N, C-alpha and C. Protein backbone atom coordinates (compact mmCIF):
# COMPACT_ATOMS: atom_id res chain seq x y z
N UNK A 1 103.33 129.28 93.89
CA UNK A 1 102.46 130.36 93.48
C UNK A 1 101.35 129.77 92.61
N UNK A 2 100.12 130.08 92.94
CA UNK A 2 99.02 129.56 92.14
C UNK A 2 98.67 130.52 91.00
N UNK A 3 97.69 130.15 90.21
CA UNK A 3 97.34 130.93 89.01
C UNK A 3 96.83 132.32 89.36
N UNK A 4 96.07 132.45 90.42
CA UNK A 4 95.52 133.75 90.81
C UNK A 4 96.65 134.68 91.25
N UNK A 5 97.59 134.18 92.04
CA UNK A 5 98.72 135.00 92.47
C UNK A 5 99.57 135.43 91.29
N UNK A 6 99.78 134.51 90.34
CA UNK A 6 100.56 134.86 89.14
C UNK A 6 99.83 135.92 88.33
N UNK A 7 98.52 135.81 88.22
CA UNK A 7 97.73 136.80 87.49
C UNK A 7 97.82 138.16 88.18
N UNK A 8 97.75 138.18 89.49
CA UNK A 8 97.86 139.45 90.22
C UNK A 8 99.23 140.09 89.99
N UNK A 9 100.29 139.29 90.00
CA UNK A 9 101.63 139.80 89.75
C UNK A 9 101.75 140.33 88.33
N UNK A 10 101.24 139.58 87.35
CA UNK A 10 101.29 140.02 85.96
C UNK A 10 100.48 141.30 85.75
N UNK A 11 99.34 141.42 86.42
CA UNK A 11 98.53 142.63 86.32
C UNK A 11 99.27 143.82 86.90
N UNK A 12 99.93 143.63 88.03
CA UNK A 12 100.72 144.71 88.64
C UNK A 12 101.85 145.15 87.72
N UNK A 13 102.57 144.18 87.16
CA UNK A 13 103.67 144.51 86.24
C UNK A 13 103.15 145.26 85.02
N UNK A 14 102.03 144.81 84.47
CA UNK A 14 101.46 145.49 83.31
C UNK A 14 101.07 146.92 83.65
N UNK A 15 100.52 147.14 84.83
CA UNK A 15 100.15 148.50 85.25
C UNK A 15 101.39 149.37 85.40
N UNK A 16 102.47 148.81 85.94
CA UNK A 16 103.70 149.57 86.12
C UNK A 16 104.33 149.95 84.78
N UNK A 17 104.15 149.10 83.77
CA UNK A 17 104.73 149.34 82.45
C UNK A 17 103.75 149.98 81.47
N UNK A 18 102.57 150.37 81.97
CA UNK A 18 101.52 150.98 81.14
C UNK A 18 101.13 150.09 79.96
N UNK A 19 101.02 148.79 80.22
CA UNK A 19 100.62 147.82 79.22
C UNK A 19 99.23 147.30 79.56
N UNK A 20 98.53 146.72 78.59
CA UNK A 20 97.21 146.16 78.91
C UNK A 20 97.33 144.97 79.87
N UNK A 21 96.33 144.82 80.70
CA UNK A 21 96.33 143.73 81.68
C UNK A 21 96.14 142.39 80.97
N UNK A 22 96.75 141.32 81.49
CA UNK A 22 96.57 140.00 80.88
C UNK A 22 95.16 139.47 81.16
N UNK A 23 94.70 138.53 80.34
CA UNK A 23 93.38 137.95 80.60
C UNK A 23 93.40 137.13 81.89
N UNK A 24 92.28 137.03 82.57
CA UNK A 24 92.25 136.24 83.80
C UNK A 24 92.50 134.76 83.52
N UNK A 25 93.03 134.02 84.49
CA UNK A 25 93.31 132.61 84.28
C UNK A 25 92.04 131.82 83.98
N UNK A 26 92.14 130.93 83.03
CA UNK A 26 91.00 130.08 82.67
C UNK A 26 90.08 130.68 81.63
N UNK A 27 90.36 131.90 81.19
CA UNK A 27 89.45 132.57 80.26
C UNK A 27 89.38 131.84 78.92
N UNK A 28 90.49 131.31 78.46
CA UNK A 28 90.53 130.67 77.14
C UNK A 28 90.54 129.14 77.22
N UNK A 29 90.27 128.58 78.40
CA UNK A 29 90.32 127.13 78.55
C UNK A 29 89.29 126.43 77.67
N UNK A 30 88.07 126.92 77.66
CA UNK A 30 87.02 126.27 76.90
C UNK A 30 87.33 126.29 75.40
N UNK A 31 87.80 127.43 74.90
CA UNK A 31 88.14 127.53 73.48
C UNK A 31 89.31 126.61 73.14
N UNK A 32 90.29 126.53 74.04
CA UNK A 32 91.43 125.65 73.80
C UNK A 32 91.03 124.19 73.76
N UNK A 33 90.17 123.78 74.68
CA UNK A 33 89.70 122.39 74.68
C UNK A 33 88.84 122.11 73.45
N UNK A 34 88.03 123.08 73.04
CA UNK A 34 87.20 122.91 71.85
C UNK A 34 88.09 122.73 70.62
N UNK A 35 89.14 123.54 70.48
CA UNK A 35 90.05 123.42 69.36
C UNK A 35 90.77 122.07 69.37
N UNK A 36 91.19 121.64 70.55
CA UNK A 36 91.86 120.35 70.67
C UNK A 36 90.91 119.21 70.27
N UNK A 37 89.66 119.30 70.70
CA UNK A 37 88.67 118.27 70.35
C UNK A 37 88.42 118.24 68.85
N UNK A 38 88.31 119.42 68.23
CA UNK A 38 88.10 119.48 66.77
C UNK A 38 89.30 118.91 66.03
N UNK A 39 90.51 119.19 66.53
CA UNK A 39 91.70 118.62 65.91
C UNK A 39 91.69 117.10 66.03
N UNK A 40 91.29 116.62 67.20
CA UNK A 40 91.24 115.18 67.42
C UNK A 40 90.22 114.53 66.49
N UNK A 41 89.09 115.22 66.23
CA UNK A 41 88.09 114.67 65.33
C UNK A 41 88.57 114.64 63.89
N UNK A 42 89.32 115.65 63.48
CA UNK A 42 89.77 115.73 62.09
C UNK A 42 91.08 115.00 61.85
N UNK A 43 91.82 114.67 62.91
CA UNK A 43 93.08 113.94 62.79
C UNK A 43 93.09 112.76 63.75
N UNK A 44 92.27 111.73 63.48
CA UNK A 44 92.22 110.59 64.40
C UNK A 44 93.54 109.84 64.42
N UNK A 45 93.83 109.13 65.51
CA UNK A 45 95.07 108.36 65.56
C UNK A 45 95.06 107.27 64.49
N UNK A 46 96.20 107.03 63.94
CA UNK A 46 96.34 106.04 62.88
C UNK A 46 97.01 104.79 63.45
N UNK A 47 96.53 103.60 63.10
CA UNK A 47 97.11 102.38 63.69
C UNK A 47 98.59 102.19 63.38
N UNK A 48 99.06 102.68 62.24
CA UNK A 48 100.47 102.49 61.88
C UNK A 48 101.37 103.52 62.57
N UNK A 49 100.79 104.58 63.10
CA UNK A 49 101.58 105.61 63.76
C UNK A 49 101.79 105.22 65.23
N UNK A 50 103.03 105.24 65.71
CA UNK A 50 103.26 104.87 67.11
C UNK A 50 102.64 105.88 68.07
N UNK A 51 102.23 105.40 69.22
CA UNK A 51 101.59 106.26 70.21
C UNK A 51 102.62 107.06 71.00
N UNK A 52 103.85 106.58 71.09
CA UNK A 52 104.87 107.25 71.87
C UNK A 52 106.05 107.61 70.98
N UNK A 53 106.84 108.58 71.41
CA UNK A 53 107.97 109.05 70.62
C UNK A 53 109.04 107.99 70.41
N UNK A 54 109.17 107.05 71.35
CA UNK A 54 110.21 106.04 71.22
C UNK A 54 109.81 104.90 70.29
N UNK A 55 108.62 104.98 69.71
CA UNK A 55 108.18 103.99 68.74
C UNK A 55 107.35 102.87 69.31
N UNK A 56 107.21 102.80 70.63
CA UNK A 56 106.39 101.75 71.22
C UNK A 56 104.91 102.09 71.03
N UNK A 57 104.09 101.09 71.03
CA UNK A 57 102.68 101.28 70.79
C UNK A 57 101.87 101.46 72.06
N UNK A 58 102.47 101.39 73.20
CA UNK A 58 101.73 101.60 74.44
C UNK A 58 101.79 100.38 75.33
N UNK A 59 100.87 100.29 76.30
CA UNK A 59 100.94 99.23 77.29
C UNK A 59 100.58 97.85 76.79
N UNK A 60 100.09 97.71 75.60
CA UNK A 60 99.75 96.38 75.09
C UNK A 60 98.25 96.21 74.95
N UNK A 61 97.82 95.03 74.52
CA UNK A 61 96.39 94.83 74.30
C UNK A 61 95.60 94.85 75.60
N UNK A 62 94.45 95.45 75.54
CA UNK A 62 93.58 95.53 76.70
C UNK A 62 92.36 94.65 76.50
N UNK A 63 91.35 94.78 77.36
CA UNK A 63 90.19 93.91 77.29
C UNK A 63 89.41 94.07 75.98
N UNK A 64 89.44 95.27 75.39
CA UNK A 64 88.72 95.47 74.13
C UNK A 64 89.46 94.90 72.94
N UNK A 65 90.77 94.66 73.10
CA UNK A 65 91.58 94.10 72.02
C UNK A 65 91.77 92.60 72.16
N UNK A 66 91.05 91.97 73.06
CA UNK A 66 91.20 90.54 73.26
C UNK A 66 92.25 90.19 74.28
N UNK A 67 92.80 91.18 74.97
CA UNK A 67 93.82 90.94 75.98
C UNK A 67 93.17 90.69 77.34
N UNK A 68 93.98 90.61 78.38
CA UNK A 68 93.44 90.34 79.72
C UNK A 68 92.60 91.50 80.22
N UNK A 69 91.57 91.19 80.99
CA UNK A 69 90.72 92.19 81.58
C UNK A 69 91.38 92.67 82.87
N UNK A 70 91.72 93.95 82.94
CA UNK A 70 92.42 94.49 84.10
C UNK A 70 91.47 95.09 85.13
N UNK A 71 90.16 94.91 84.95
CA UNK A 71 89.21 95.49 85.89
C UNK A 71 89.15 94.69 87.19
N UNK A 72 89.52 93.43 87.17
CA UNK A 72 89.53 92.65 88.39
C UNK A 72 90.97 92.33 88.78
N UNK A 73 91.26 92.18 90.07
CA UNK A 73 92.63 91.90 90.50
C UNK A 73 93.22 90.63 89.92
N UNK A 74 92.37 89.64 89.68
CA UNK A 74 92.90 88.37 89.16
C UNK A 74 93.14 88.42 87.65
N UNK A 75 92.60 89.44 86.98
CA UNK A 75 92.77 89.54 85.54
C UNK A 75 91.82 88.65 84.78
N UNK A 76 90.86 88.04 85.47
CA UNK A 76 89.94 87.14 84.80
C UNK A 76 88.63 87.85 84.48
């Protein structure tokens, strides 16, 4: 079931229960992304904080960190 079908079902149920209709899908996407971006700006990642829940820091150093360049198949 896609988002439009789910919205149609939710709208039907709301009408049957005399409740207000739900907002259409995607209506709050822009505001949600804007809030997430503002949070990211005010709470930047900290180098001492692990990137993953298990404590690992991620895939390792990349080309910007002095590691191998993964843009070419040979890594050179």
